[in-house]
Amino acid sequence: MALQPDDVLDARGLHCPLPLLKAKQALARLDTGAVLYVMATDPGSWKDFETFVGQSNDVELVSREEAEDEYRYWIRKGAAVT
C-alpha cells in the first residue's frame, strides 16, 4: 500500500486484547490526522479493530489487509483518542 504511516506498531506475536490495547496507546500519542500502521498475527484482531473503529467517532480505518497469516491495519486518528 502506498499510504505512508506516521507511526508503526508491531503487534505480531501478541494475543487478544493486546494488539488493540497497544494500538489505542499509540493513537493517543499521535496528532490528529496522523496514520498508525499496525501489524498483527492474532486472527481475533480483525474483528477487534473493526469493532473498535465502528464504535469510535475518533478514528478511521483507512485500510486493512490479510497476507500470509499477518493482519495489517492503517488507522487515521481523528479527534482526541483516549
N, C-alpha and C. Protein backbone atom coordinates (compact mmCIF):
# COMPACT_ATOMS: atom_id res chain seq x y z
N MET A 1 0.84 -1.18 0.00
CA MET A 1 0.00 0.00 0.00
C MET A 1 0.88 1.23 0.00
N ALA A 2 0.49 2.27 -0.72
CA ALA A 2 1.29 3.48 -0.88
C ALA A 2 1.15 4.46 0.29
N LEU A 3 0.19 4.27 1.14
CA LEU A 3 -0.04 5.17 2.27
C LEU A 3 1.15 5.14 3.21
N GLN A 4 1.69 6.30 3.54
CA GLN A 4 2.83 6.40 4.44
C GLN A 4 2.35 6.67 5.87
N PRO A 5 2.59 5.75 6.78
CA PRO A 5 2.14 5.95 8.15
C PRO A 5 3.04 6.94 8.90
N ASP A 6 2.47 7.54 9.93
CA ASP A 6 3.23 8.42 10.81
C ASP A 6 3.89 7.64 11.93
N ASP A 7 3.35 6.47 12.23
CA ASP A 7 3.92 5.60 13.26
C ASP A 7 3.60 4.15 12.90
N VAL A 8 4.44 3.24 13.38
CA VAL A 8 4.28 1.81 13.11
C VAL A 8 4.23 1.06 14.43
N LEU A 9 3.27 0.16 14.55
CA LEU A 9 3.14 -0.69 15.73
C LEU A 9 3.28 -2.14 15.30
N ASP A 10 4.29 -2.81 15.80
CA ASP A 10 4.49 -4.22 15.52
C ASP A 10 3.88 -5.01 16.68
N ALA A 11 2.66 -5.51 16.46
CA ALA A 11 1.96 -6.28 17.48
C ALA A 11 1.96 -7.77 17.13
N ARG A 12 2.86 -8.18 16.26
CA ARG A 12 2.94 -9.59 15.88
C ARG A 12 3.37 -10.40 17.10
N GLY A 13 2.70 -11.54 17.27
CA GLY A 13 3.00 -12.42 18.40
C GLY A 13 2.19 -12.11 19.65
N LEU A 14 1.51 -10.98 19.67
CA LEU A 14 0.67 -10.63 20.82
C LEU A 14 -0.73 -11.18 20.61
N HIS A 15 -1.36 -11.57 21.71
CA HIS A 15 -2.69 -12.16 21.64
C HIS A 15 -3.71 -11.18 22.20
N CYS A 16 -4.95 -11.38 21.79
CA CYS A 16 -6.09 -10.56 22.19
C CYS A 16 -6.09 -10.37 23.72
N PRO A 17 -6.28 -9.18 24.19
CA PRO A 17 -6.62 -7.94 23.51
C PRO A 17 -5.42 -7.01 23.29
N LEU A 18 -4.20 -7.52 23.46
CA LEU A 18 -3.01 -6.66 23.43
C LEU A 18 -2.81 -5.88 22.12
N PRO A 19 -3.03 -6.45 20.93
CA PRO A 19 -2.84 -5.63 19.73
C PRO A 19 -3.71 -4.37 19.74
N LEU A 20 -4.96 -4.51 20.12
CA LEU A 20 -5.86 -3.36 20.16
C LEU A 20 -5.46 -2.39 21.27
N LEU A 21 -5.13 -2.89 22.44
CA LEU A 21 -4.74 -2.00 23.54
C LEU A 21 -3.49 -1.20 23.20
N LYS A 22 -2.52 -1.85 22.60
CA LYS A 22 -1.29 -1.14 22.22
C LYS A 22 -1.56 -0.14 21.09
N ALA A 23 -2.47 -0.47 20.19
CA ALA A 23 -2.84 0.47 19.13
C ALA A 23 -3.53 1.70 19.72
N LYS A 24 -4.40 1.50 20.68
CA LYS A 24 -5.06 2.64 21.33
C LYS A 24 -4.05 3.53 22.03
N GLN A 25 -3.04 2.93 22.68
CA GLN A 25 -1.99 3.72 23.33
C GLN A 25 -1.19 4.50 22.29
N ALA A 26 -0.86 3.87 21.19
CA ALA A 26 -0.09 4.54 20.13
C ALA A 26 -0.90 5.67 19.52
N LEU A 27 -2.18 5.46 19.28
CA LEU A 27 -3.03 6.52 18.73
C LEU A 27 -3.12 7.72 19.67
N ALA A 28 -3.14 7.47 20.96
CA ALA A 28 -3.23 8.56 21.94
C ALA A 28 -2.01 9.48 21.86
N ARG A 29 -0.89 8.95 21.42
CA ARG A 29 0.34 9.75 21.32
C ARG A 29 0.45 10.52 20.00
N LEU A 30 -0.39 10.17 19.03
CA LEU A 30 -0.30 10.79 17.71
C LEU A 30 -1.14 12.06 17.61
N ASP A 31 -0.75 12.90 16.68
CA ASP A 31 -1.51 14.12 16.39
C ASP A 31 -2.74 13.77 15.56
N THR A 32 -3.74 14.63 15.62
CA THR A 32 -4.93 14.47 14.80
C THR A 32 -4.54 14.42 13.32
N GLY A 33 -5.11 13.47 12.61
CA GLY A 33 -4.82 13.31 11.19
C GLY A 33 -3.70 12.34 10.89
N ALA A 34 -2.95 11.94 11.92
CA ALA A 34 -1.84 11.02 11.73
C ALA A 34 -2.36 9.60 11.47
N VAL A 35 -1.53 8.81 10.79
CA VAL A 35 -1.89 7.44 10.45
C VAL A 35 -0.98 6.47 11.19
N LEU A 36 -1.60 5.48 11.83
CA LEU A 36 -0.88 4.41 12.52
C LEU A 36 -0.99 3.15 11.68
N TYR A 37 0.15 2.50 11.45
CA TYR A 37 0.19 1.23 10.74
C TYR A 37 0.43 0.14 11.76
N VAL A 38 -0.46 -0.84 11.82
CA VAL A 38 -0.37 -1.92 12.80
C VAL A 38 -0.20 -3.25 12.07
N MET A 39 0.77 -4.04 12.54
CA MET A 39 0.96 -5.40 12.05
C MET A 39 0.64 -6.35 13.21
N ALA A 40 -0.23 -7.33 12.96
CA ALA A 40 -0.63 -8.28 14.00
C ALA A 40 -0.71 -9.68 13.42
N THR A 41 -0.60 -10.67 14.28
CA THR A 41 -0.75 -12.06 13.86
C THR A 41 -1.95 -12.73 14.50
N ASP A 42 -2.58 -12.07 15.44
CA ASP A 42 -3.75 -12.63 16.12
C ASP A 42 -4.98 -12.50 15.21
N PRO A 43 -5.58 -13.62 14.78
CA PRO A 43 -6.76 -13.55 13.91
C PRO A 43 -7.91 -12.77 14.54
N GLY A 44 -8.00 -12.76 15.87
CA GLY A 44 -9.05 -12.00 16.55
C GLY A 44 -8.92 -10.50 16.37
N SER A 45 -7.74 -10.05 15.98
CA SER A 45 -7.55 -8.61 15.79
C SER A 45 -8.41 -8.08 14.64
N TRP A 46 -8.73 -8.93 13.68
CA TRP A 46 -9.55 -8.50 12.53
C TRP A 46 -10.89 -7.95 13.03
N LYS A 47 -11.54 -8.72 13.88
CA LYS A 47 -12.83 -8.30 14.43
C LYS A 47 -12.65 -7.21 15.48
N ASP A 48 -11.59 -7.30 16.30
CA ASP A 48 -11.35 -6.29 17.34
C ASP A 48 -11.20 -4.90 16.75
N PHE A 49 -10.39 -4.77 15.70
CA PHE A 49 -10.17 -3.45 15.10
C PHE A 49 -11.43 -2.95 14.40
N GLU A 50 -12.16 -3.85 13.75
CA GLU A 50 -13.40 -3.49 13.10
C GLU A 50 -14.40 -2.94 14.12
N THR A 51 -14.53 -3.62 15.24
CA THR A 51 -15.45 -3.20 16.29
C THR A 51 -15.02 -1.87 16.90
N PHE A 52 -13.74 -1.74 17.21
CA PHE A 52 -13.21 -0.50 17.80
C PHE A 52 -13.50 0.69 16.91
N VAL A 53 -13.19 0.58 15.64
CA VAL A 53 -13.41 1.69 14.72
C VAL A 53 -14.90 1.97 14.55
N GLY A 54 -15.71 0.92 14.51
CA GLY A 54 -17.16 1.09 14.37
C GLY A 54 -17.80 1.78 15.55
N GLN A 55 -17.21 1.64 16.73
CA GLN A 55 -17.77 2.24 17.94
C GLN A 55 -17.15 3.59 18.28
N SER A 56 -16.19 4.01 17.49
CA SER A 56 -15.48 5.26 17.78
C SER A 56 -15.73 6.29 16.69
N ASN A 57 -15.93 7.52 17.10
CA ASN A 57 -16.03 8.62 16.15
C ASN A 57 -14.67 9.28 15.96
N ASP A 58 -13.65 8.75 16.64
CA ASP A 58 -12.36 9.41 16.69
C ASP A 58 -11.29 8.79 15.81
N VAL A 59 -11.60 7.67 15.17
CA VAL A 59 -10.62 7.01 14.31
C VAL A 59 -11.28 6.53 13.03
N GLU A 60 -10.48 6.38 12.00
CA GLU A 60 -10.95 5.88 10.72
C GLU A 60 -10.05 4.72 10.29
N LEU A 61 -10.66 3.62 9.92
CA LEU A 61 -9.91 2.50 9.37
C LEU A 61 -9.72 2.78 7.89
N VAL A 62 -8.55 3.30 7.55
CA VAL A 62 -8.26 3.71 6.18
C VAL A 62 -8.18 2.49 5.28
N SER A 63 -7.54 1.45 5.78
CA SER A 63 -7.38 0.22 5.01
C SER A 63 -6.98 -0.91 5.95
N ARG A 64 -7.25 -2.13 5.50
CA ARG A 64 -6.77 -3.31 6.21
C ARG A 64 -6.59 -4.42 5.20
N GLU A 65 -5.65 -5.31 5.51
CA GLU A 65 -5.41 -6.43 4.62
C GLU A 65 -4.89 -7.62 5.40
N GLU A 66 -5.08 -8.78 4.83
CA GLU A 66 -4.56 -10.02 5.41
C GLU A 66 -3.63 -10.63 4.38
N ALA A 67 -2.43 -10.97 4.82
CA ALA A 67 -1.45 -11.58 3.92
C ALA A 67 -0.55 -12.51 4.72
N GLU A 68 -0.51 -13.77 4.31
CA GLU A 68 0.40 -14.74 4.90
C GLU A 68 0.32 -14.78 6.43
N ASP A 69 -0.88 -14.97 6.95
CA ASP A 69 -1.10 -15.07 8.40
C ASP A 69 -0.72 -13.81 9.16
N GLU A 70 -0.73 -12.69 8.47
CA GLU A 70 -0.46 -11.40 9.12
C GLU A 70 -1.59 -10.45 8.76
N TYR A 71 -2.00 -9.67 9.73
CA TYR A 71 -3.09 -8.71 9.56
C TYR A 71 -2.50 -7.32 9.65
N ARG A 72 -2.85 -6.47 8.70
CA ARG A 72 -2.27 -5.13 8.62
C ARG A 72 -3.38 -4.09 8.60
N TYR A 73 -3.20 -3.06 9.40
CA TYR A 73 -4.22 -2.03 9.54
C TYR A 73 -3.59 -0.64 9.41
N TRP A 74 -4.28 0.25 8.71
CA TRP A 74 -3.90 1.64 8.62
C TRP A 74 -5.05 2.42 9.25
N ILE A 75 -4.76 3.08 10.37
CA ILE A 75 -5.79 3.76 11.14
C ILE A 75 -5.44 5.24 11.27
N ARG A 76 -6.38 6.09 10.87
CA ARG A 76 -6.16 7.54 10.96
C ARG A 76 -6.84 8.07 12.23
N LYS A 77 -6.09 8.86 12.97
CA LYS A 77 -6.62 9.46 14.19
C LYS A 77 -7.40 10.70 13.84
N GLY A 78 -8.58 10.80 14.44
CA GLY A 78 -9.42 11.98 14.27
C GLY A 78 -9.28 12.88 15.48
N ALA A 79 -10.37 13.10 16.18
CA ALA A 79 -10.36 13.93 17.39
C ALA A 79 -9.63 13.18 18.50
N ALA A 80 -9.67 13.72 19.68
CA ALA A 80 -8.93 13.14 20.82
C ALA A 80 -9.30 11.69 21.06
N VAL A 81 -8.31 10.82 21.07
CA VAL A 81 -8.50 9.41 21.37
C VAL A 81 -7.94 9.16 22.75
N THR A 82 -8.75 8.55 23.61
CA THR A 82 -8.29 8.27 24.97
C THR A 82 -8.22 6.78 25.21
